[in-house]
């Protein structure tokens, strides 16, 4: 079904879960997988004395290389083809979501996989959501993978209701 899958990774548990999902989809569909690490270039205070913005960027590059090496090792273990990629956000007029969308187009992806933290309400409004912005601007299918924590919380929330429902017939028989 899908032949070219792009998955954004950032080292978080949520993106690891998204990568695992994308890896399984790529394996099952004999698809190419491109793990993507995006380096954000926040506005730098160049006039601050002693400030060297390359130190921060170099740290991001190092983290990205480590994450992509791990991803490539897992891809090889699962016999999934593809080449991981590190990209930079353009300094002016671009954000992470835009860079992900552009990278998906450059890769000619037919599926984009992203992790989502599942924030709601004020937290989502204040922090924004890369996944939401990608979905709003994407021209290809986007699979949003919730964090394992969100899945556990949802499962835990469902359990008491099931227990109460199962206990109700017993109470009625008395």
C-alpha atoms as a PDB file:
ATOM      1  CA  UNK A   1       0.000   0.000   0.000  1.00  0.00           C
ATOM      2  CA  UNK A   2       2.681   2.519   1.035  1.00  0.00           C
ATOM      3  CA  UNK A   3       6.059   2.480  -0.694  1.00  0.00           C
ATOM      4  CA  UNK A   4       7.812   5.578   0.689  1.00  0.00           C
ATOM      5  CA  UNK A   5       7.340   6.413   4.362  1.00  0.00           C
ATOM      6  CA  UNK A   6       8.868   9.395   6.134  1.00  0.00           C
ATOM      7  CA  UNK A   7       8.964   9.441   9.946  1.00  0.00           C
ATOM      8  CA  UNK A   8      10.066  12.432  12.005  1.00  0.00           C
ATOM      9  CA  UNK A   9      12.194  11.608  15.035  1.00  0.00           C
ATOM     10  CA  UNK A  10      13.484  13.821  17.821  1.00  0.00           C
ATOM     11  CA  UNK A  11      14.687  11.454  20.535  1.00  0.00           C
ATOM     12  CA  UNK A  12      11.517  11.616  22.617  1.00  0.00           C
ATOM     13  CA  UNK A  13       9.683   8.480  23.707  1.00  0.00           C
ATOM     14  CA  UNK A  14       6.775   9.591  21.536  1.00  0.00           C
ATOM     15  CA  UNK A  15       8.917   9.797  18.406  1.00  0.00           C
ATOM     16  CA  UNK A  16      10.474   6.409  19.241  1.00  0.00           C
ATOM     17  CA  UNK A  17       6.983   4.927  19.290  1.00  0.00           C
ATOM     18  CA  UNK A  18       6.213   6.640  15.953  1.00  0.00           C
ATOM     19  CA  UNK A  19       9.453   5.242  14.517  1.00  0.00           C
ATOM     20  CA  UNK A  20       8.582   1.714  15.707  1.00  0.00           C
ATOM     21  CA  UNK A  21       5.192   2.026  14.014  1.00  0.00           C
ATOM     22  CA  UNK A  22       6.711   3.367  10.782  1.00  0.00           C
ATOM     23  CA  UNK A  23       9.348   0.630  10.814  1.00  0.00           C
ATOM     24  CA  UNK A  24       6.666  -2.044  11.122  1.00  0.00           C
ATOM     25  CA  UNK A  25       4.614  -0.459   8.320  1.00  0.00           C
ATOM     26  CA  UNK A  26       7.681  -0.261   6.081  1.00  0.00           C
ATOM     27  CA  UNK A  27       8.547  -3.886   6.835  1.00  0.00           C
ATOM     28  CA  UNK A  28       4.986  -5.106   6.191  1.00  0.00           C
ATOM     29  CA  UNK A  29       4.638  -3.116   2.951  1.00  0.00           C
ATOM     30  CA  UNK A  30       8.193  -3.624   1.654  1.00  0.00           C
ATOM     31  CA  UNK A  31       8.485   0.167   1.666  1.00  0.00           C
ATOM     32  CA  UNK A  32      11.435   2.530   1.885  1.00  0.00           C
ATOM     33  CA  UNK A  33      11.683   4.372   5.179  1.00  0.00           C
ATOM     34  CA  UNK A  34      13.279   7.745   5.764  1.00  0.00           C
ATOM     35  CA  UNK A  35      13.761   8.726   9.400  1.00  0.00           C
ATOM     36  CA  UNK A  36      14.045  12.516   9.517  1.00  0.00           C
ATOM     37  CA  UNK A  37      15.719  14.602  12.215  1.00  0.00           C
ATOM     38  CA  UNK A  38      15.036  18.340  11.990  1.00  0.00           C
ATOM     39  CA  UNK A  39      17.448  20.870  13.460  1.00  0.00           C
ATOM     40  CA  UNK A  40      15.615  23.962  14.604  1.00  0.00           C
ATOM     41  CA  UNK A  41      17.544  27.199  14.373  1.00  0.00           C
ATOM     42  CA  UNK A  42      15.998  29.505  16.952  1.00  0.00           C
ATOM     43  CA  UNK A  43      16.759  33.182  16.647  1.00  0.00           C
ATOM     44  CA  UNK A  44      20.264  33.605  17.911  1.00  0.00           C
ATOM     45  CA  UNK A  45      21.469  36.569  19.930  1.00  0.00           C
ATOM     46  CA  UNK A  46      24.575  37.234  17.873  1.00  0.00           C
ATOM     47  CA  UNK A  47      25.388  40.418  19.758  1.00  0.00           C
ATOM     48  CA  UNK A  48      25.732  38.674  23.125  1.00  0.00           C
ATOM     49  CA  UNK A  49      29.374  38.659  24.092  1.00  0.00           C
ATOM     50  CA  UNK A  50      30.954  35.235  24.089  1.00  0.00           C
ATOM     51  CA  UNK A  51      27.910  33.600  22.481  1.00  0.00           C
ATOM     52  CA  UNK A  52      28.726  31.063  19.781  1.00  0.00           C
ATOM     53  CA  UNK A  53      25.557  29.676  18.102  1.00  0.00           C
ATOM     54  CA  UNK A  54      27.529  26.906  16.424  1.00  0.00           C
ATOM     55  CA  UNK A  55      27.931  25.124  19.782  1.00  0.00           C
ATOM     56  CA  UNK A  56      24.163  24.605  20.028  1.00  0.00           C
ATOM     57  CA  UNK A  57      23.842  23.593  16.386  1.00  0.00           C
ATOM     58  CA  UNK A  58      26.750  21.147  16.706  1.00  0.00           C
ATOM     59  CA  UNK A  59      25.019  19.539  19.710  1.00  0.00           C
ATOM     60  CA  UNK A  60      21.830  19.129  17.660  1.00  0.00           C
ATOM     61  CA  UNK A  61      23.784  17.599  14.780  1.00  0.00           C
ATOM     62  CA  UNK A  62      25.523  15.175  17.130  1.00  0.00           C
ATOM     63  CA  UNK A  63      22.209  14.110  18.679  1.00  0.00           C
ATOM     64  CA  UNK A  64      20.645  13.728  15.226  1.00  0.00           C
ATOM     65  CA  UNK A  65      23.516  11.581  13.988  1.00  0.00           C
ATOM     66  CA  UNK A  66      23.238   9.322  17.041  1.00  0.00           C
ATOM     67  CA  UNK A  67      19.461   8.950  16.660  1.00  0.00           C
ATOM     68  CA  UNK A  68      19.707   8.281  12.939  1.00  0.00           C
ATOM     69  CA  UNK A  69      22.486   5.715  13.435  1.00  0.00           C
ATOM     70  CA  UNK A  70      20.218   3.883  15.900  1.00  0.00           C
ATOM     71  CA  UNK A  71      17.321   4.098  13.438  1.00  0.00           C
ATOM     72  CA  UNK A  72      19.473   2.767  10.600  1.00  0.00           C
ATOM     73  CA  UNK A  73      20.625  -0.167  12.744  1.00  0.00           C
ATOM     74  CA  UNK A  74      17.008  -1.071  13.490  1.00  0.00           C
ATOM     75  CA  UNK A  75      16.113  -0.715   9.808  1.00  0.00           C
ATOM     76  CA  UNK A  76      18.930  -3.080   8.823  1.00  0.00           C
ATOM     77  CA  UNK A  77      17.846  -5.556  11.500  1.00  0.00           C
ATOM     78  CA  UNK A  78      14.307  -5.538  10.030  1.00  0.00           C
ATOM     79  CA  UNK A  79      15.576  -5.561   6.406  1.00  0.00           C
ATOM     80  CA  UNK A  80      13.923  -2.219   5.687  1.00  0.00           C
ATOM     81  CA  UNK A  81      15.475  -0.076   2.950  1.00  0.00           C
ATOM     82  CA  UNK A  82      15.997   3.634   3.313  1.00  0.00           C
ATOM     83  CA  UNK A  83      18.378   6.426   4.180  1.00  0.00           C
ATOM     84  CA  UNK A  84      17.990   8.568   7.316  1.00  0.00           C
ATOM     85  CA  UNK A  85      18.323  12.318   6.863  1.00  0.00           C
ATOM     86  CA  UNK A  86      19.154  15.400   8.930  1.00  0.00           C
ATOM     87  CA  UNK A  87      17.758  18.736   7.751  1.00  0.00           C
ATOM     88  CA  UNK A  88      17.899  22.311   9.021  1.00  0.00           C
ATOM     89  CA  UNK A  89      14.973  24.674   9.369  1.00  0.00           C
ATOM     90  CA  UNK A  90      15.542  27.705   7.155  1.00  0.00           C
ATOM     91  CA  UNK A  91      16.593  30.660   9.304  1.00  0.00           C
ATOM     92  CA  UNK A  92      13.721  32.918   8.261  1.00  0.00           C
ATOM     93  CA  UNK A  93      10.111  32.065   7.531  1.00  0.00           C
ATOM     94  CA  UNK A  94      10.171  28.350   8.232  1.00  0.00           C
ATOM     95  CA  UNK A  95       9.412  26.186  11.239  1.00  0.00           C
ATOM     96  CA  UNK A  96       9.821  22.504  12.032  1.00  0.00           C
ATOM     97  CA  UNK A  97       6.404  21.553  10.664  1.00  0.00           C
ATOM     98  CA  UNK A  98       7.102  23.297   7.356  1.00  0.00           C
ATOM     99  CA  UNK A  99      10.516  21.607   7.072  1.00  0.00           C
ATOM    100  CA  UNK A 100       8.924  18.187   7.712  1.00  0.00           C
ATOM    101  CA  UNK A 101       6.315  18.816   5.023  1.00  0.00           C
ATOM    102  CA  UNK A 102       8.954  20.012   2.535  1.00  0.00           C
ATOM    103  CA  UNK A 103      11.161  16.997   3.322  1.00  0.00           C
ATOM    104  CA  UNK A 104       8.234  14.634   2.762  1.00  0.00           C
ATOM    105  CA  UNK A 105       7.688  16.214  -0.660  1.00  0.00           C
ATOM    106  CA  UNK A 106      11.405  15.974  -1.484  1.00  0.00           C
ATOM    107  CA  UNK A 107      11.387  12.282  -0.525  1.00  0.00           C
ATOM    108  CA  UNK A 108       8.189  11.818  -2.539  1.00  0.00           C
ATOM    109  CA  UNK A 109       6.663  10.142   0.520  1.00  0.00           C
ATOM    110  CA  UNK A 110       3.238   8.594   0.269  1.00  0.00           C
ATOM    111  CA  UNK A 111       2.867   8.431   4.075  1.00  0.00           C
ATOM    112  CA  UNK A 112       4.137  10.684   6.839  1.00  0.00           C
ATOM    113  CA  UNK A 113       4.347   9.282  10.380  1.00  0.00           C
ATOM    114  CA  UNK A 114       4.538  11.572  13.419  1.00  0.00           C
ATOM    115  CA  UNK A 115       4.362  11.072  17.135  1.00  0.00           C
ATOM    116  CA  UNK A 116       1.929  13.190  19.081  1.00  0.00           C
ATOM    117  CA  UNK A 117       1.975  13.948  22.776  1.00  0.00           C
ATOM    118  CA  UNK A 118      -1.812  14.281  22.886  1.00  0.00           C
ATOM    119  CA  UNK A 119      -1.805  17.630  24.650  1.00  0.00           C
ATOM    120  CA  UNK A 120      -5.180  19.270  25.009  1.00  0.00           C
ATOM    121  CA  UNK A 121      -6.582  22.601  26.022  1.00  0.00           C
ATOM    122  CA  UNK A 122      -4.286  25.329  27.254  1.00  0.00           C
ATOM    123  CA  UNK A 123      -1.100  23.227  27.014  1.00  0.00           C
ATOM    124  CA  UNK A 124      -1.710  22.582  23.319  1.00  0.00           C
ATOM    125  CA  UNK A 125      -2.619  26.200  22.694  1.00  0.00           C
ATOM    126  CA  UNK A 126       0.408  27.541  24.550  1.00  0.00           C
ATOM    127  CA  UNK A 127       2.981  25.032  23.309  1.00  0.00           C
ATOM    128  CA  UNK A 128       1.537  24.597  19.837  1.00  0.00           C
ATOM    129  CA  UNK A 129       1.680  21.333  18.021  1.00  0.00           C
ATOM    130  CA  UNK A 130       4.102  20.424  15.276  1.00  0.00           C
ATOM    131  CA  UNK A 131       1.907  17.446  14.384  1.00  0.00           C
ATOM    132  CA  UNK A 132      -1.195  19.617  14.123  1.00  0.00           C
ATOM    133  CA  UNK A 133       0.550  22.138  11.869  1.00  0.00           C
ATOM    134  CA  UNK A 134       1.885  19.336   9.653  1.00  0.00           C
ATOM    135  CA  UNK A 135      -1.572  17.772   9.331  1.00  0.00           C
ATOM    136  CA  UNK A 136      -3.122  21.118   8.393  1.00  0.00           C
ATOM    137  CA  UNK A 137      -0.637  21.717   5.570  1.00  0.00           C
ATOM    138  CA  UNK A 138       0.135  18.178   4.359  1.00  0.00           C
ATOM    139  CA  UNK A 139      -0.830  16.995   0.910  1.00  0.00           C
ATOM    140  CA  UNK A 140      -0.311  13.314   1.766  1.00  0.00           C
ATOM    141  CA  UNK A 141      -1.717  10.943   4.391  1.00  0.00           C
ATOM    142  CA  UNK A 142      -0.376  11.535   7.895  1.00  0.00           C
ATOM    143  CA  UNK A 143      -0.399   8.850  10.569  1.00  0.00           C
ATOM    144  CA  UNK A 144      -0.342  10.313  14.088  1.00  0.00           C
ATOM    145  CA  UNK A 145       0.969   7.878  16.672  1.00  0.00           C
ATOM    146  CA  UNK A 146       0.091   8.695  20.281  1.00  0.00           C
ATOM    147  CA  UNK A 147       2.672   8.384  23.005  1.00  0.00           C
ATOM    148  CA  UNK A 148       2.792   5.128  24.924  1.00  0.00           C
ATOM    149  CA  UNK A 149       1.894   7.143  28.015  1.00  0.00           C
ATOM    150  CA  UNK A 150      -1.281   8.443  26.348  1.00  0.00           C
ATOM    151  CA  UNK A 151      -2.210   4.885  25.356  1.00  0.00           C
ATOM    152  CA  UNK A 152      -1.601   3.635  28.912  1.00  0.00           C
ATOM    153  CA  UNK A 153      -3.628   6.493  30.396  1.00  0.00           C
ATOM    154  CA  UNK A 154      -6.526   5.768  28.040  1.00  0.00           C
ATOM    155  CA  UNK A 155      -6.396   2.060  28.872  1.00  0.00           C
ATOM    156  CA  UNK A 156      -6.298   2.802  32.605  1.00  0.00           C
ATOM    157  CA  UNK A 157      -9.259   5.148  32.279  1.00  0.00           C
ATOM    158  CA  UNK A 158     -11.258   2.447  30.516  1.00  0.00           C
ATOM    159  CA  UNK A 159     -10.559  -0.258  33.115  1.00  0.00           C
ATOM    160  CA  UNK A 160     -12.704   1.053  36.017  1.00  0.00           C
ATOM    161  CA  UNK A 161     -15.694   1.443  33.718  1.00  0.00           C
ATOM    162  CA  UNK A 162     -15.300  -2.135  32.554  1.00  0.00           C
ATOM    163  CA  UNK A 163     -14.956  -3.380  36.117  1.00  0.00           C
ATOM    164  CA  UNK A 164     -18.069  -1.489  37.259  1.00  0.00           C
ATOM    165  CA  UNK A 165     -20.027  -2.721  34.258  1.00  0.00           C
ATOM    166  CA  UNK A 166     -18.964  -6.301  34.960  1.00  0.00           C
ATOM    167  CA  UNK A 167     -19.937  -5.958  38.628  1.00  0.00           C
ATOM    168  CA  UNK A 168     -23.387  -4.515  37.897  1.00  0.00           C
ATOM    169  CA  UNK A 169     -25.061  -7.839  36.902  1.00  0.00           C
ATOM    170  CA  UNK A 170     -23.712  -9.449  40.092  1.00  0.00           C
ATOM    171  CA  UNK A 171     -25.241  -6.676  42.236  1.00  0.00           C
ATOM    172  CA  UNK A 172     -28.606  -7.066  40.502  1.00  0.00           C
ATOM    173  CA  UNK A 173     -28.775 -10.790  41.239  1.00  0.00           C
ATOM    174  CA  UNK A 174     -28.839 -10.245  44.998  1.00  0.00           C
END
